[in-house]
């Protein structure tokens, strides 16, 4: 696994699919692997949290209706553990559920039945936007460091000129 938010266009991103319905994993796993992702599968919340804490996947595709732990709670814990992107995948289509999912930290919400290709494209989009944001943040940090170094050099030069003129 690559760690939180570390996947770029040149690295392999890791995706954890969490759903108690084996047919969902059977649909998504080969599609995600074909798109170049490392894929892990969990059938319940406890297994998902173990994988999240051990591997910190880049993306978690998470069903809300899990047999042991509420998916909203797993979402919140995943975000708290450093998973940057959680896509909720649920049969629940009510606005209240979608809002609760986003409030728990989800980056996206897809209602079942779903198109596996659409889910793959949504994962691509989430990673692209996250990478773009990280790239912009890194670029701004570099600019800030250069500006700070420039100001420091100007101050050293000013002090040098002041010392020279007093001699």
Foldseek 3Di string as FASTA:
>chain_A
DQAELPDDPPDAFEEEEEALDVVVCVLQVVVLVVVRHHYHYHNALVVVLVCCLVPVGQEYEFEQDGDPDGRLVSLLVSVVSRRQAYEYEYQDDDPVVVVSNVVSPHPYYHHPPDDSVVVSVVVVVVSHVSNVVVVVVVVVVVVVVVVVVVVVVVVVVVVVVVVVVVD
